[in-house]
Amino acid sequence: GTQEAIFNGVPIIGIPIYADQYNNLLQAQDIGFGKILPYHDINESTLRHLVNDVINNDYYRNKAKEVSRRFKDRPLSALDTAMFWIEYVIRNRGAEFMK
């Protein structure tokens, strides 16, 4: 998915079909590390053009690496963050005020 591509610094060619996919891909396209291929526009020519553009244009790869670097720049690891919030909820007896 989108988060996996961001984490690994890989450009995206996305075909949005469900719910939030279009907005996520629109952000990827606006930032510069992805392209949207509308479902109704899929054919051999459009797919080939997009794949060649994304593979051969360093701009997408560089943007994907930049976004990945920012995504990974955090004070705690994902596991430590999860542990913090689990312990927070326990310390605050279910943290009902956060619901």
PDB file of N, CA and C in Angstrom:
ATOM      1  N   GLY A   1       0.812  -1.180   0.000  1.00  0.00           N
ATOM      2  CA  GLY A   1       0.000   0.000   0.000  1.00  0.00           C
ATOM      3  C   GLY A   1       0.861   1.251   0.000  1.00  0.00           C
ATOM      4  N   THR A   2       0.201   2.343   0.193  1.00  0.00           N
ATOM      5  CA  THR A   2       0.857   3.647   0.173  1.00  0.00           C
ATOM      6  C   THR A   2       1.905   3.779   1.268  1.00  0.00           C
ATOM      7  N   GLN A   3       1.560   3.359   2.489  1.00  0.00           N
ATOM      8  CA  GLN A   3       2.538   3.485   3.582  1.00  0.00           C
ATOM      9  C   GLN A   3       3.777   2.637   3.339  1.00  0.00           C
ATOM     10  N   GLU A   4       3.601   1.454   2.789  1.00  0.00           N
ATOM     11  CA  GLU A   4       4.755   0.599   2.499  1.00  0.00           C
ATOM     12  C   GLU A   4       5.652   1.251   1.454  1.00  0.00           C
ATOM     13  N   ALA A   5       5.043   1.847   0.437  1.00  0.00           N
ATOM     14  CA  ALA A   5       5.832   2.538  -0.592  1.00  0.00           C
ATOM     15  C   ALA A   5       6.581   3.723   0.013  1.00  0.00           C
ATOM     16  N   ILE A   6       5.894   4.482   0.865  1.00  0.00           N
ATOM     17  CA  ILE A   6       6.543   5.624   1.514  1.00  0.00           C
ATOM     18  C   ILE A   6       7.697   5.145   2.385  1.00  0.00           C
ATOM     19  N   PHE A   7       7.461   4.142   3.209  1.00  0.00           N
ATOM     20  CA  PHE A   7       8.503   3.645   4.105  1.00  0.00           C
ATOM     21  C   PHE A   7       9.738   3.206   3.325  1.00  0.00           C
ATOM     22  N   ASN A   8       9.522   2.519   2.203  1.00  0.00           N
ATOM     23  CA  ASN A   8      10.631   1.977   1.423  1.00  0.00           C
ATOM     24  C   ASN A   8      11.169   2.940   0.367  1.00  0.00           C
ATOM     25  N   GLY A   9      10.602   4.126   0.252  1.00  0.00           N
ATOM     26  CA  GLY A   9      11.100   5.117  -0.696  1.00  0.00           C
ATOM     27  C   GLY A   9      10.887   4.733  -2.141  1.00  0.00           C
ATOM     28  N   VAL A  10       9.726   4.155  -2.427  1.00  0.00           N
ATOM     29  CA  VAL A  10       9.420   3.669  -3.771  1.00  0.00           C
ATOM     30  C   VAL A  10       8.331   4.550  -4.394  1.00  0.00           C
ATOM     31  N   PRO A  11       8.542   5.047  -5.611  1.00  0.00           N
ATOM     32  CA  PRO A  11       7.487   5.819  -6.274  1.00  0.00           C
ATOM     33  C   PRO A  11       6.237   4.963  -6.501  1.00  0.00           C
ATOM     34  N   ILE A  12       5.098   5.630  -6.616  1.00  0.00           N
ATOM     35  CA  ILE A  12       3.810   4.945  -6.733  1.00  0.00           C
ATOM     36  C   ILE A  12       3.154   5.264  -8.069  1.00  0.00           C
ATOM     37  N   ILE A  13       2.602   4.235  -8.697  1.00  0.00           N
ATOM     38  CA  ILE A  13       1.611   4.415  -9.752  1.00  0.00           C
ATOM     39  C   ILE A  13       0.361   3.767  -9.185  1.00  0.00           C
ATOM     40  N   GLY A  14      -0.641   4.580  -8.901  1.00  0.00           N
ATOM     41  CA  GLY A  14      -1.816   4.060  -8.220  1.00  0.00           C
ATOM     42  C   GLY A  14      -3.066   4.124  -9.071  1.00  0.00           C
ATOM     43  N   ILE A  15      -3.885   3.094  -8.916  1.00  0.00           N
ATOM     44  CA  ILE A  15      -5.187   3.012  -9.565  1.00  0.00           C
ATOM     45  C   ILE A  15      -6.224   3.044  -8.444  1.00  0.00           C
ATOM     46  N   PRO A  16      -6.741   4.236  -8.118  1.00  0.00           N
ATOM     47  CA  PRO A  16      -7.660   4.332  -6.988  1.00  0.00           C
ATOM     48  C   PRO A  16      -9.002   3.674  -7.299  1.00  0.00           C
ATOM     49  N   ILE A  17      -9.448   2.839  -6.367  1.00  0.00           N
ATOM     50  CA  ILE A  17     -10.732   2.166  -6.541  1.00  0.00           C
ATOM     51  C   ILE A  17     -11.626   2.390  -5.329  1.00  0.00           C
ATOM     52  N   TYR A  18     -11.074   2.279  -4.129  1.00  0.00           N
ATOM     53  CA  TYR A  18     -11.879   2.350  -2.916  1.00  0.00           C
ATOM     54  C   TYR A  18     -11.551   3.571  -2.075  1.00  0.00           C
ATOM     55  N   ALA A  19     -12.547   4.029  -1.348  1.00  0.00           N
ATOM     56  CA  ALA A  19     -12.518   4.991  -0.259  1.00  0.00           C
ATOM     57  C   ALA A  19     -11.414   6.042  -0.343  1.00  0.00           C
ATOM     58  N   ASP A  20     -10.414   5.925   0.527  1.00  0.00           N
ATOM     59  CA  ASP A  20      -9.396   6.968   0.683  1.00  0.00           C
ATOM     60  C   ASP A  20      -8.269   6.879  -0.341  1.00  0.00           C
ATOM     61  N   GLN A  21      -8.311   5.895  -1.204  1.00  0.00           N
ATOM     62  CA  GLN A  21      -7.198   5.692  -2.135  1.00  0.00           C
ATOM     63  C   GLN A  21      -6.966   6.907  -3.031  1.00  0.00           C
ATOM     64  N   TYR A  22      -8.041   7.508  -3.524  1.00  0.00           N
ATOM     65  CA  TYR A  22      -7.867   8.649  -4.423  1.00  0.00           C
ATOM     66  C   TYR A  22      -7.166   9.803  -3.713  1.00  0.00           C
ATOM     67  N   ASN A  23      -7.623  10.137  -2.502  1.00  0.00           N
ATOM     68  CA  ASN A  23      -6.998  11.248  -1.770  1.00  0.00           C
ATOM     69  C   ASN A  23      -5.539  10.959  -1.434  1.00  0.00           C
ATOM     70  N   ASN A  24      -5.238   9.722  -1.024  1.00  0.00           N
ATOM     71  CA  ASN A  24      -3.847   9.359  -0.730  1.00  0.00           C
ATOM     72  C   ASN A  24      -2.977   9.487  -1.978  1.00  0.00           C
ATOM     73  N   LEU A  25      -3.486   8.996  -3.096  1.00  0.00           N
ATOM     74  CA  LEU A  25      -2.715   9.061  -4.337  1.00  0.00           C
ATOM     75  C   LEU A  25      -2.604  10.494  -4.853  1.00  0.00           C
ATOM     76  N   LEU A  26      -3.635  11.286  -4.631  1.00  0.00           N
ATOM     77  CA  LEU A  26      -3.577  12.687  -5.031  1.00  0.00           C
ATOM     78  C   LEU A  26      -2.480  13.409  -4.253  1.00  0.00           C
ATOM     79  N   GLN A  27      -2.356  13.107  -2.969  1.00  0.00           N
ATOM     80  CA  GLN A  27      -1.266  13.699  -2.181  1.00  0.00           C
ATOM     81  C   GLN A  27       0.088  13.229  -2.703  1.00  0.00           C
ATOM     82  N   ALA A  28       0.204  11.937  -3.009  1.00  0.00           N
ATOM     83  CA  ALA A  28       1.465  11.411  -3.545  1.00  0.00           C
ATOM     84  C   ALA A  28       1.820  12.117  -4.847  1.00  0.00           C
ATOM     85  N   GLN A  29       0.826  12.329  -5.688  1.00  0.00           N
ATOM     86  CA  GLN A  29       1.064  13.005  -6.964  1.00  0.00           C
ATOM     87  C   GLN A  29       1.428  14.472  -6.742  1.00  0.00           C
ATOM     88  N   ASP A  30       0.719  15.140  -5.831  1.00  0.00           N
ATOM     89  CA  ASP A  30       1.009  16.555  -5.546  1.00  0.00           C
ATOM     90  C   ASP A  30       2.408  16.739  -4.963  1.00  0.00           C
ATOM     91  N   ILE A  31       2.824  15.819  -4.098  1.00  0.00           N
ATOM     92  CA  ILE A  31       4.155  15.896  -3.491  1.00  0.00           C
ATOM     93  C   ILE A  31       5.228  15.542  -4.512  1.00  0.00           C
ATOM     94  N   GLY A  32       4.900  14.648  -5.449  1.00  0.00           N
ATOM     95  CA  GLY A  32       5.832  14.332  -6.525  1.00  0.00           C
ATOM     96  C   GLY A  32       6.410  12.937  -6.515  1.00  0.00           C
ATOM     97  N   PHE A  33       5.894  12.042  -5.667  1.00  0.00           N
ATOM     98  CA  PHE A  33       6.436  10.684  -5.663  1.00  0.00           C
ATOM     99  C   PHE A  33       5.452   9.657  -6.205  1.00  0.00           C
ATOM    100  N   GLY A  34       4.423  10.122  -6.889  1.00  0.00           N
ATOM    101  CA  GLY A  34       3.463   9.180  -7.439  1.00  0.00           C
ATOM    102  C   GLY A  34       2.673   9.761  -8.588  1.00  0.00           C
ATOM    103  N   LYS A  35       2.013   8.865  -9.297  1.00  0.00           N
ATOM    104  CA  LYS A  35       1.135   9.237 -10.398  1.00  0.00           C
ATOM    105  C   LYS A  35      -0.159   8.448 -10.248  1.00  0.00           C
ATOM    106  N   ILE A  36      -1.260   9.066 -10.648  1.00  0.00           N
ATOM    107  CA  ILE A  36      -2.566   8.416 -10.624  1.00  0.00           C
ATOM    108  C   ILE A  36      -2.892   7.929 -12.026  1.00  0.00           C
ATOM    109  N   LEU A  37      -3.375   6.693 -12.101  1.00  0.00           N
ATOM    110  CA  LEU A  37      -3.888   6.139 -13.349  1.00  0.00           C
ATOM    111  C   LEU A  37      -5.358   5.809 -13.112  1.00  0.00           C
ATOM    112  N   PRO A  38      -6.271   6.667 -13.595  1.00  0.00           N
ATOM    113  CA  PRO A  38      -7.692   6.381 -13.397  1.00  0.00           C
ATOM    114  C   PRO A  38      -8.079   5.039 -14.020  1.00  0.00           C
ATOM    115  N   TYR A  39      -8.934   4.315 -13.317  1.00  0.00           N
ATOM    116  CA  TYR A  39      -9.339   2.971 -13.739  1.00  0.00           C
ATOM    117  C   TYR A  39      -9.867   2.968 -15.172  1.00  0.00           C
ATOM    118  N   HIS A  40     -10.675   3.970 -15.513  1.00  0.00           N
ATOM    119  CA  HIS A  40     -11.287   4.002 -16.848  1.00  0.00           C
ATOM    120  C   HIS A  40     -10.289   4.386 -17.944  1.00  0.00           C
ATOM    121  N   ASP A  41      -9.079   4.804 -17.568  1.00  0.00           N
ATOM    122  CA  ASP A  41      -8.054   5.171 -18.556  1.00  0.00           C
ATOM    123  C   ASP A  41      -7.006   4.078 -18.775  1.00  0.00           C
ATOM    124  N   ILE A  42      -7.183   2.936 -18.126  1.00  0.00           N
ATOM    125  CA  ILE A  42      -6.170   1.882 -18.240  1.00  0.00           C
ATOM    126  C   ILE A  42      -6.219   1.251 -19.625  1.00  0.00           C
ATOM    127  N   ASN A  43      -5.083   1.295 -20.287  1.00  0.00           N
ATOM    128  CA  ASN A  43      -4.864   0.536 -21.516  1.00  0.00           C
ATOM    129  C   ASN A  43      -3.355   0.358 -21.647  1.00  0.00           C
ATOM    130  N   GLU A  44      -2.947  -0.395 -22.614  1.00  0.00           N
ATOM    131  CA  GLU A  44      -1.522  -0.694 -22.753  1.00  0.00           C
ATOM    132  C   GLU A  44      -0.688   0.579 -22.900  1.00  0.00           C
ATOM    133  N   SER A  45      -1.182   1.517 -23.662  1.00  0.00           N
ATOM    134  CA  SER A  45      -0.427   2.737 -23.930  1.00  0.00           C
ATOM    135  C   SER A  45      -0.265   3.603 -22.678  1.00  0.00           C
ATOM    136  N   THR A  46      -1.369   3.858 -21.958  1.00  0.00           N
ATOM    137  CA  THR A  46      -1.271   4.719 -20.774  1.00  0.00           C
ATOM    138  C   THR A  46      -0.433   4.066 -19.687  1.00  0.00           C
ATOM    139  N   LEU A  47      -0.599   2.767 -19.505  1.00  0.00           N
ATOM    140  CA  LEU A  47       0.180   2.067 -18.486  1.00  0.00           C
ATOM    141  C   LEU A  47       1.665   2.087 -18.835  1.00  0.00           C
ATOM    142  N   ARG A  48       1.986   1.800 -20.080  1.00  0.00           N
ATOM    143  CA  ARG A  48       3.387   1.813 -20.516  1.00  0.00           C
ATOM    144  C   ARG A  48       4.002   3.198 -20.340  1.00  0.00           C
ATOM    145  N   HIS A  49       3.264   4.228 -20.723  1.00  0.00           N
ATOM    146  CA  HIS A  49       3.760   5.602 -20.599  1.00  0.00           C
ATOM    147  C   HIS A  49       4.052   5.945 -19.139  1.00  0.00           C
ATOM    148  N   LEU A  50       3.113   5.650 -18.232  1.00  0.00           N
ATOM    149  CA  LEU A  50       3.316   5.975 -16.819  1.00  0.00           C
ATOM    150  C   LEU A  50       4.472   5.192 -16.211  1.00  0.00           C
ATOM    151  N   VAL A  51       4.539   3.902 -16.501  1.00  0.00           N
ATOM    152  CA  VAL A  51       5.622   3.083 -15.951  1.00  0.00           C
ATOM    153  C   VAL A  51       6.967   3.609 -16.439  1.00  0.00           C
ATOM    154  N   ASN A  52       7.081   3.878 -17.729  1.00  0.00           N
ATOM    155  CA  ASN A  52       8.342   4.408 -18.265  1.00  0.00           C
ATOM    156  C   ASN A  52       8.686   5.760 -17.656  1.00  0.00           C
ATOM    157  N   ASP A  53       7.688   6.609 -17.491  1.00  0.00           N
ATOM    158  CA  ASP A  53       7.927   7.929 -16.910  1.00  0.00           C
ATOM    159  C   ASP A  53       8.439   7.807 -15.480  1.00  0.00           C
ATOM    160  N   VAL A  54       7.776   7.000 -14.673  1.00  0.00           N
ATOM    161  CA  VAL A  54       8.155   6.872 -13.262  1.00  0.00           C
ATOM    162  C   VAL A  54       9.495   6.149 -13.102  1.00  0.00           C
ATOM    163  N   ILE A  55       9.748   5.152 -13.925  1.00  0.00           N
ATOM    164  CA  ILE A  55      11.005   4.400 -13.821  1.00  0.00           C
ATOM    165  C   ILE A  55      12.199   5.224 -14.315  1.00  0.00           C
ATOM    166  N   ASN A  56      12.015   5.957 -15.390  1.00  0.00           N
ATOM    167  CA  ASN A  56      13.142   6.639 -16.033  1.00  0.00           C
ATOM    168  C   ASN A  56      13.359   8.080 -15.587  1.00  0.00           C
ATOM    169  N   ASN A  57      12.464   8.610 -14.789  1.00  0.00           N
ATOM    170  CA  ASN A  57      12.589   9.987 -14.328  1.00  0.00           C
ATOM    171  C   ASN A  57      13.039   9.968 -12.867  1.00  0.00           C
ATOM    172  N   ASP A  58      14.271  10.395 -12.620  1.00  0.00           N
ATOM    173  CA  ASP A  58      14.828  10.381 -11.260  1.00  0.00           C
ATOM    174  C   ASP A  58      14.040  11.244 -10.284  1.00  0.00           C
ATOM    175  N   TYR A  59      13.275  12.187 -10.798  1.00  0.00           N
ATOM    176  CA  TYR A  59      12.490  13.071  -9.941  1.00  0.00           C
ATOM    177  C   TYR A  59      11.602  12.261  -8.990  1.00  0.00           C
ATOM    178  N   TYR A  60      10.893  11.255  -9.503  1.00  0.00           N
ATOM    179  CA  TYR A  60       9.981  10.456  -8.672  1.00  0.00           C
ATOM    180  C   TYR A  60      10.748   9.666  -7.615  1.00  0.00           C
ATOM    181  N   ARG A  61      11.851   9.063  -8.007  1.00  0.00           N
ATOM    182  CA  ARG A  61      12.666   8.286  -7.069  1.00  0.00           C
ATOM    183  C   ARG A  61      13.225   9.188  -5.973  1.00  0.00           C
ATOM    184  N   ASN A  62      13.729  10.354  -6.358  1.00  0.00           N
ATOM    185  CA  ASN A  62      14.291  11.283  -5.376  1.00  0.00           C
ATOM    186  C   ASN A  62      13.227  11.788  -4.405  1.00  0.00           C
ATOM    187  N   LYS A  63      12.050  12.111  -4.922  1.00  0.00           N
ATOM    188  CA  LYS A  63      10.955  12.554  -4.050  1.00  0.00           C
ATOM    189  C   LYS A  63      10.528  11.434  -3.108  1.00  0.00           C
ATOM    190  N   ALA A  64      10.455  10.205  -3.623  1.00  0.00           N
ATOM    191  CA  ALA A  64      10.067   9.065  -2.788  1.00  0.00           C
ATOM    192  C   ALA A  64      11.081   8.855  -1.669  1.00  0.00           C
ATOM    193  N   LYS A  65      12.354   8.973  -1.967  1.00  0.00           N
ATOM    194  CA  LYS A  65      13.401   8.827  -0.943  1.00  0.00           C
ATOM    195  C   LYS A  65      13.305   9.946   0.097  1.00  0.00           C
ATOM    196  N   GLU A  66      13.032  11.163  -0.361  1.00  0.00           N
ATOM    197  CA  GLU A  66      12.898  12.303   0.553  1.00  0.00           C
ATOM    198  C   GLU A  66      11.705  12.110   1.500  1.00  0.00           C
ATOM    199  N   VAL A  67      10.572  11.689   0.954  1.00  0.00           N
ATOM    200  CA  VAL A  67       9.381  11.456   1.779  1.00  0.00           C
ATOM    201  C   VAL A  67       9.641  10.314   2.758  1.00  0.00           C
ATOM    202  N   SER A  68      10.333   9.281   2.323  1.00  0.00           N
ATOM    203  CA  SER A  68      10.671   8.153   3.194  1.00  0.00           C
ATOM    204  C   SER A  68      11.547   8.606   4.355  1.00  0.00           C
ATOM    205  N   ARG A  69      12.523   9.436   4.055  1.00  0.00           N
ATOM    206  CA  ARG A  69      13.416   9.933   5.105  1.00  0.00           C
ATOM    207  C   ARG A  69      12.625  10.710   6.154  1.00  0.00           C
ATOM    208  N   ARG A  70      11.721  11.574   5.701  1.00  0.00           N
ATOM    209  CA  ARG A  70      10.901  12.353   6.646  1.00  0.00           C
ATOM    210  C   ARG A  70       9.966  11.448   7.443  1.00  0.00           C
ATOM    211  N   PHE A  71       9.408  10.449   6.783  1.00  0.00           N
ATOM    212  CA  PHE A  71       8.487   9.513   7.437  1.00  0.00           C
ATOM    213  C   PHE A  71       9.183   8.753   8.566  1.00  0.00           C
ATOM    214  N   LYS A  72      10.440   8.404   8.346  1.00  0.00           N
ATOM    215  CA  LYS A  72      11.198   7.617   9.330  1.00  0.00           C
ATOM    216  C   LYS A  72      11.836   8.480  10.420  1.00  0.00           C
ATOM    217  N   ASP A  73      11.824   9.794  10.248  1.00  0.00           N
ATOM    218  CA  ASP A  73      12.458  10.700  11.206  1.00  0.00           C
ATOM    219  C   ASP A  73      11.518  10.925  12.383  1.00  0.00           C
ATOM    220  N   ARG A  74      11.638  10.062  13.396  1.00  0.00           N
ATOM    221  CA  ARG A  74      10.764  10.129  14.564  1.00  0.00           C
ATOM    222  C   ARG A  74      11.567   9.855  15.820  1.00  0.00           C
ATOM    223  N   PRO A  75      11.119  10.396  16.945  1.00  0.00           N
ATOM    224  CA  PRO A  75      11.883  10.230  18.181  1.00  0.00           C
ATOM    225  C   PRO A  75      11.841   8.813  18.743  1.00  0.00           C
ATOM    226  N   LEU A  76      10.778   8.077  18.447  1.00  0.00           N
ATOM    227  CA  LEU A  76      10.638   6.705  18.939  1.00  0.00           C
ATOM    228  C   LEU A  76      10.355   5.776  17.771  1.00  0.00           C
ATOM    229  N   SER A  77      10.756   4.529  17.910  1.00  0.00           N
ATOM    230  CA  SER A  77      10.419   3.542  16.885  1.00  0.00           C
ATOM    231  C   SER A  77       8.910   3.295  16.922  1.00  0.00           C
ATOM    232  N   ALA A  78       8.390   2.659  15.901  1.00  0.00           N
ATOM    233  CA  ALA A  78       6.961   2.339  15.860  1.00  0.00           C
ATOM    234  C   ALA A  78       6.566   1.471  17.051  1.00  0.00           C
ATOM    235  N   LEU A  79       7.399   0.494  17.403  1.00  0.00           N
ATOM    236  CA  LEU A  79       7.104  -0.373  18.545  1.00  0.00           C
ATOM    237  C   LEU A  79       7.098   0.424  19.845  1.00  0.00           C
ATOM    238  N   ASP A  80       8.082   1.300  20.032  1.00  0.00           N
ATOM    239  CA  ASP A  80       8.129   2.121  21.243  1.00  0.00           C
ATOM    240  C   ASP A  80       6.927   3.063  21.325  1.00  0.00           C
ATOM    241  N   THR A  81       6.504   3.599  20.193  1.00  0.00           N
ATOM    242  CA  THR A  81       5.320   4.459  20.169  1.00  0.00           C
ATOM    243  C   THR A  81       4.078   3.672  20.567  1.00  0.00           C
ATOM    244  N   ALA A  82       3.926   2.476  20.005  1.00  0.00           N
ATOM    245  CA  ALA A  82       2.780   1.624  20.359  1.00  0.00           C
ATOM    246  C   ALA A  82       2.802   1.291  21.844  1.00  0.00           C
ATOM    247  N   MET A  83       3.970   0.951  22.364  1.00  0.00           N
ATOM    248  CA  MET A  83       4.083   0.622  23.791  1.00  0.00           C
ATOM    249  C   MET A  83       3.735   1.829  24.661  1.00  0.00           C
ATOM    250  N   PHE A  84       4.179   3.007  24.261  1.00  0.00           N
ATOM    251  CA  PHE A  84       3.849   4.209  25.021  1.00  0.00           C
ATOM    252  C   PHE A  84       2.344   4.365  25.141  1.00  0.00           C
ATOM    253  N   TRP A  85       1.616   4.257  24.016  1.00  0.00           N
ATOM    254  CA  TRP A  85       0.174   4.485  24.042  1.00  0.00           C
ATOM    255  C   TRP A  85      -0.572   3.378  24.769  1.00  0.00           C
ATOM    256  N   ILE A  86      -0.114   2.151  24.669  1.00  0.00           N
ATOM    257  CA  ILE A  86      -0.730   1.061  25.436  1.00  0.00           C
ATOM    258  C   ILE A  86      -0.576   1.335  26.926  1.00  0.00           C
ATOM    259  N   GLU A  87       0.637   1.681  27.334  1.00  0.00           N
ATOM    260  CA  GLU A  87       0.887   1.973  28.748  1.00  0.00           C
ATOM    261  C   GLU A  87       0.140   3.227  29.196  1.00  0.00           C
ATOM    262  N   TYR A  88       0.001   4.206  28.322  1.00  0.00           N
ATOM    263  CA  TYR A  88      -0.747   5.427  28.632  1.00  0.00           C
ATOM    264  C   TYR A  88      -2.201   5.096  28.957  1.00  0.00           C
ATOM    265  N   VAL A  89      -2.809   4.269  28.105  1.00  0.00           N
ATOM    266  CA  VAL A  89      -4.203   3.867  28.326  1.00  0.00           C
ATOM    267  C   VAL A  89      -4.330   3.104  29.635  1.00  0.00           C
ATOM    268  N   ILE A  90      -3.386   2.226  29.925  1.00  0.00           N
ATOM    269  CA  ILE A  90      -3.409   1.471  31.188  1.00  0.00           C
ATOM    270  C   ILE A  90      -3.270   2.430  32.371  1.00  0.00           C
ATOM    271  N   ARG A  91      -2.304   3.347  32.306  1.00  0.00           N
ATOM    272  CA  ARG A  91      -2.090   4.303  33.401  1.00  0.00           C
ATOM    273  C   ARG A  91      -3.313   5.175  33.644  1.00  0.00           C
ATOM    274  N   ASN A  92      -4.047   5.453  32.587  1.00  0.00           N
ATOM    275  CA  ASN A  92      -5.198   6.344  32.679  1.00  0.00           C
ATOM    276  C   ASN A  92      -6.524   5.588  32.647  1.00  0.00           C
ATOM    277  N   ARG A  93      -6.490   4.352  33.115  1.00  0.00           N
ATOM    278  CA  ARG A  93      -7.680   3.513  33.307  1.00  0.00           C
ATOM    279  C   ARG A  93      -8.608   3.502  32.093  1.00  0.00           C
ATOM    280  N   GLY A  94      -8.043   3.224  30.958  1.00  0.00           N
ATOM    281  CA  GLY A  94      -8.833   3.112  29.738  1.00  0.00           C
ATOM    282  C   GLY A  94      -8.895   4.388  28.914  1.00  0.00           C
ATOM    283  N   ALA A  95      -8.445   5.482  29.484  1.00  0.00           N
ATOM    284  CA  ALA A  95      -8.393   6.778  28.779  1.00  0.00           C
ATOM    285  C   ALA A  95      -9.708   7.094  28.057  1.00  0.00           C
ATOM    286  N   GLU A  96     -10.808   6.952  28.782  1.00  0.00           N
ATOM    287  CA  GLU A  96     -12.133   7.231  28.207  1.00  0.00           C
ATOM    288  C   GLU A  96     -12.213   8.635  27.611  1.00  0.00           C
ATOM    289  N   PHE A  97     -11.482   9.571  28.189  1.00  0.00           N
ATOM    290  CA  PHE A  97     -11.511  10.954  27.713  1.00  0.00           C
ATOM    291  C   PHE A  97     -10.948  11.109  26.310  1.00  0.00           C
ATOM    292  N   MET A  98     -10.257  10.086  25.802  1.00  0.00           N
ATOM    293  CA  MET A  98      -9.675  10.169  24.455  1.00  0.00           C
ATOM    294  C   MET A  98     -10.612   9.631  23.378  1.00  0.00           C
ATOM    295  N   LYS A  99     -11.714   9.036  23.780  1.00  0.00           N
ATOM    296  CA  LYS A  99     -12.618   8.423  22.788  1.00  0.00           C
ATOM    297  C   LYS A  99     -13.477   9.446  22.107  1.00  0.00           C
TER     298      LYS A  99
END
